Amino acid sequence: MFKKSPKEKSVLDKAIDEMIREMTALPGDSKAYKKLLDRLTELYALRKIDADIELPKAWRPEFVVPAVASIVGIVVIVGYEQMHVVTSKALSFIMKPS
């Protein structure tokens, strides 16, 4: 039901795949193979660094739901106050960041 769509390979992963394809065509004891192996090691190190960097997710539910609930609550209170005579209490319902 909730299947993730297959992620498109990054440029780094494509470069690693290409490097492995080139290495399979070479004998294991050649200088070109060792040079490609060194480059492949560098690419894997770059991929690990790239995976360690986590970008912030701006619209995560644990942040959005409380914010929307606070705004809806304030709008309801202010709307009620416009129709009826009540002193403003909307600001006391705003969640303070901790």
C-alpha atoms as a PDB file:
ATOM      1  CA  MET A   1       0.000   0.000   0.000  1.00  0.00           C
ATOM      2  CA  PHE A   2       2.687   2.502   1.021  1.00  0.00           C
ATOM      3  CA  LYS A   3       5.547   1.403  -1.181  1.00  0.00           C
ATOM      4  CA  LYS A   4       8.457   3.741  -1.508  1.00  0.00           C
ATOM      5  CA  SER A   5       9.284   4.641  -5.049  1.00  0.00           C
ATOM      6  CA  PRO A   6      12.751   3.485  -6.041  1.00  0.00           C
ATOM      7  CA  LYS A   7      15.248   6.230  -5.454  1.00  0.00           C
ATOM      8  CA  GLU A   8      17.175   7.394  -8.461  1.00  0.00           C
ATOM      9  CA  LYS A   9      20.876   6.715  -8.101  1.00  0.00           C
ATOM     10  CA  SER A  10      23.056   9.655  -7.259  1.00  0.00           C
ATOM     11  CA  VAL A  11      25.950  10.746  -9.432  1.00  0.00           C
ATOM     12  CA  LEU A  12      28.304   9.261  -6.868  1.00  0.00           C
ATOM     13  CA  ASP A  13      26.594   5.851  -6.980  1.00  0.00           C
ATOM     14  CA  LYS A  14      26.641   5.894 -10.779  1.00  0.00           C
ATOM     15  CA  ALA A  15      30.378   6.661 -10.704  1.00  0.00           C
ATOM     16  CA  ILE A  16      30.957   3.759  -8.299  1.00  0.00           C
ATOM     17  CA  ASP A  17      28.989   1.384 -10.536  1.00  0.00           C
ATOM     18  CA  GLU A  18      30.945   2.503 -13.588  1.00  0.00           C
ATOM     19  CA  MET A  19      34.231   2.069 -11.740  1.00  0.00           C
ATOM     20  CA  ILE A  20      33.287  -1.493 -10.736  1.00  0.00           C
ATOM     21  CA  ARG A  21      32.330  -2.295 -14.345  1.00  0.00           C
ATOM     22  CA  GLU A  22      35.727  -1.069 -15.537  1.00  0.00           C
ATOM     23  CA  MET A  23      37.506  -3.083 -12.855  1.00  0.00           C
ATOM     24  CA  THR A  24      35.817  -6.339 -13.870  1.00  0.00           C
ATOM     25  CA  ALA A  25      37.384  -6.050 -17.330  1.00  0.00           C
ATOM     26  CA  LEU A  26      40.938  -5.728 -15.951  1.00  0.00           C
ATOM     27  CA  PRO A  27      43.194  -8.389 -14.464  1.00  0.00           C
ATOM     28  CA  GLY A  28      43.552  -8.077 -10.675  1.00  0.00           C
ATOM     29  CA  ASP A  29      47.324  -7.649 -10.703  1.00  0.00           C
ATOM     30  CA  SER A  30      47.563  -4.766 -13.204  1.00  0.00           C
ATOM     31  CA  LYS A  31      48.545  -1.198 -12.318  1.00  0.00           C
ATOM     32  CA  ALA A  32      45.356   0.160 -13.871  1.00  0.00           C
ATOM     33  CA  TYR A  33      43.303  -2.105 -11.583  1.00  0.00           C
ATOM     34  CA  LYS A  34      45.144  -0.834  -8.509  1.00  0.00           C
ATOM     35  CA  LYS A  35      44.648   2.765  -9.630  1.00  0.00           C
ATOM     36  CA  LEU A  36      40.914   2.151 -10.100  1.00  0.00           C
ATOM     37  CA  LEU A  37      40.793   0.432  -6.716  1.00  0.00           C
ATOM     38  CA  ASP A  38      42.287   3.532  -5.058  1.00  0.00           C
ATOM     39  CA  ARG A  39      39.723   5.744  -6.790  1.00  0.00           C
ATOM     40  CA  LEU A  40      36.930   3.380  -5.786  1.00  0.00           C
ATOM     41  CA  THR A  41      38.060   3.586  -2.163  1.00  0.00           C
ATOM     42  CA  GLU A  42      37.932   7.381  -2.386  1.00  0.00           C
ATOM     43  CA  LEU A  43      34.439   7.256  -3.890  1.00  0.00           C
ATOM     44  CA  TYR A  44      33.191   5.010  -1.083  1.00  0.00           C
ATOM     45  CA  ALA A  45      34.677   7.418   1.468  1.00  0.00           C
ATOM     46  CA  LEU A  46      32.879  10.308  -0.227  1.00  0.00           C
ATOM     47  CA  ARG A  47      29.621   8.358  -0.221  1.00  0.00           C
ATOM     48  CA  LYS A  48      29.976   7.711   3.521  1.00  0.00           C
ATOM     49  CA  ILE A  49      30.570  11.410   4.159  1.00  0.00           C
ATOM     50  CA  ASP A  50      27.579  12.256   1.969  1.00  0.00           C
ATOM     51  CA  ALA A  51      25.371   9.792   3.877  1.00  0.00           C
ATOM     52  CA  ASP A  52      26.469  11.220   7.247  1.00  0.00           C
ATOM     53  CA  ILE A  53      25.264  14.694   6.325  1.00  0.00           C
ATOM     54  CA  GLU A  54      21.600  14.864   7.285  1.00  0.00           C
ATOM     55  CA  LEU A  55      19.610  17.668   5.786  1.00  0.00           C
ATOM     56  CA  PRO A  56      16.836  19.135   7.909  1.00  0.00           C
ATOM     57  CA  LYS A  57      13.336  18.047   7.008  1.00  0.00           C
ATOM     58  CA  ALA A  58      11.282  21.211   7.094  1.00  0.00           C
ATOM     59  CA  TRP A  59       7.815  19.663   7.160  1.00  0.00           C
ATOM     60  CA  ARG A  60       8.099  16.878   9.722  1.00  0.00           C
ATOM     61  CA  PRO A  61       4.775  16.113  11.447  1.00  0.00           C
ATOM     62  CA  GLU A  62       6.148  16.555  14.970  1.00  0.00           C
ATOM     63  CA  PHE A  63       6.758  20.230  14.155  1.00  0.00           C
ATOM     64  CA  VAL A  64       3.873  21.009  11.838  1.00  0.00           C
ATOM     65  CA  VAL A  65       0.962  19.556  13.843  1.00  0.00           C
ATOM     66  CA  PRO A  66       1.545  21.578  17.040  1.00  0.00           C
ATOM     67  CA  ALA A  67       2.134  24.752  15.033  1.00  0.00           C
ATOM     68  CA  VAL A  68      -1.078  24.322  13.030  1.00  0.00           C
ATOM     69  CA  ALA A  69      -3.019  23.463  16.187  1.00  0.00           C
ATOM     70  CA  SER A  70      -1.768  26.634  17.892  1.00  0.00           C
ATOM     71  CA  ILE A  71      -2.679  28.817  14.914  1.00  0.00           C
ATOM     72  CA  VAL A  72      -6.147  27.272  14.591  1.00  0.00           C
ATOM     73  CA  GLY A  73      -6.742  27.788  18.318  1.00  0.00           C
ATOM     74  CA  ILE A  74      -5.729  31.439  18.115  1.00  0.00           C
ATOM     75  CA  VAL A  75      -7.957  32.028  15.070  1.00  0.00           C
ATOM     76  CA  VAL A  76     -10.938  30.448  16.834  1.00  0.00           C
ATOM     77  CA  ILE A  77     -10.413  32.543  19.953  1.00  0.00           C
ATOM     78  CA  VAL A  78      -9.926  35.786  18.014  1.00  0.00           C
ATOM     79  CA  GLY A  79     -12.986  35.018  15.872  1.00  0.00           C
ATOM     80  CA  TYR A  80     -15.069  34.464  19.004  1.00  0.00           C
ATOM     81  CA  GLU A  81     -13.757  37.674  20.543  1.00  0.00           C
ATOM     82  CA  GLN A  82     -14.799  39.669  17.477  1.00  0.00           C
ATOM     83  CA  MET A  83     -18.385  38.433  17.743  1.00  0.00           C
ATOM     84  CA  HIS A  84     -18.663  38.627  21.529  1.00  0.00           C
ATOM     85  CA  VAL A  85     -17.276  41.023  24.093  1.00  0.00           C
ATOM     86  CA  VAL A  86     -14.381  39.255  25.784  1.00  0.00           C
ATOM     87  CA  THR A  87     -10.960  40.544  26.703  1.00  0.00           C
ATOM     88  CA  SER A  88      -8.161  39.067  24.631  1.00  0.00           C
ATOM     89  CA  LYS A  89      -6.811  35.815  25.963  1.00  0.00           C
ATOM     90  CA  ALA A  90      -5.403  34.469  22.692  1.00  0.00           C
ATOM     91  CA  LEU A  91      -1.796  35.287  23.513  1.00  0.00           C
ATOM     92  CA  SER A  92      -1.826  33.110  26.622  1.00  0.00           C
ATOM     93  CA  PHE A  93      -2.610  30.043  24.467  1.00  0.00           C
ATOM     94  CA  ILE A  94       0.469  30.404  22.256  1.00  0.00           C
ATOM     95  CA  MET A  95       2.950  27.610  22.940  1.00  0.00           C
ATOM     96  CA  LYS A  96       6.297  28.941  24.047  1.00  0.00           C
ATOM     97  CA  PRO A  97       9.395  27.285  22.525  1.00  0.00           C
ATOM     98  CA  SER A  98      11.387  25.343  25.086  1.00  0.00           C
END
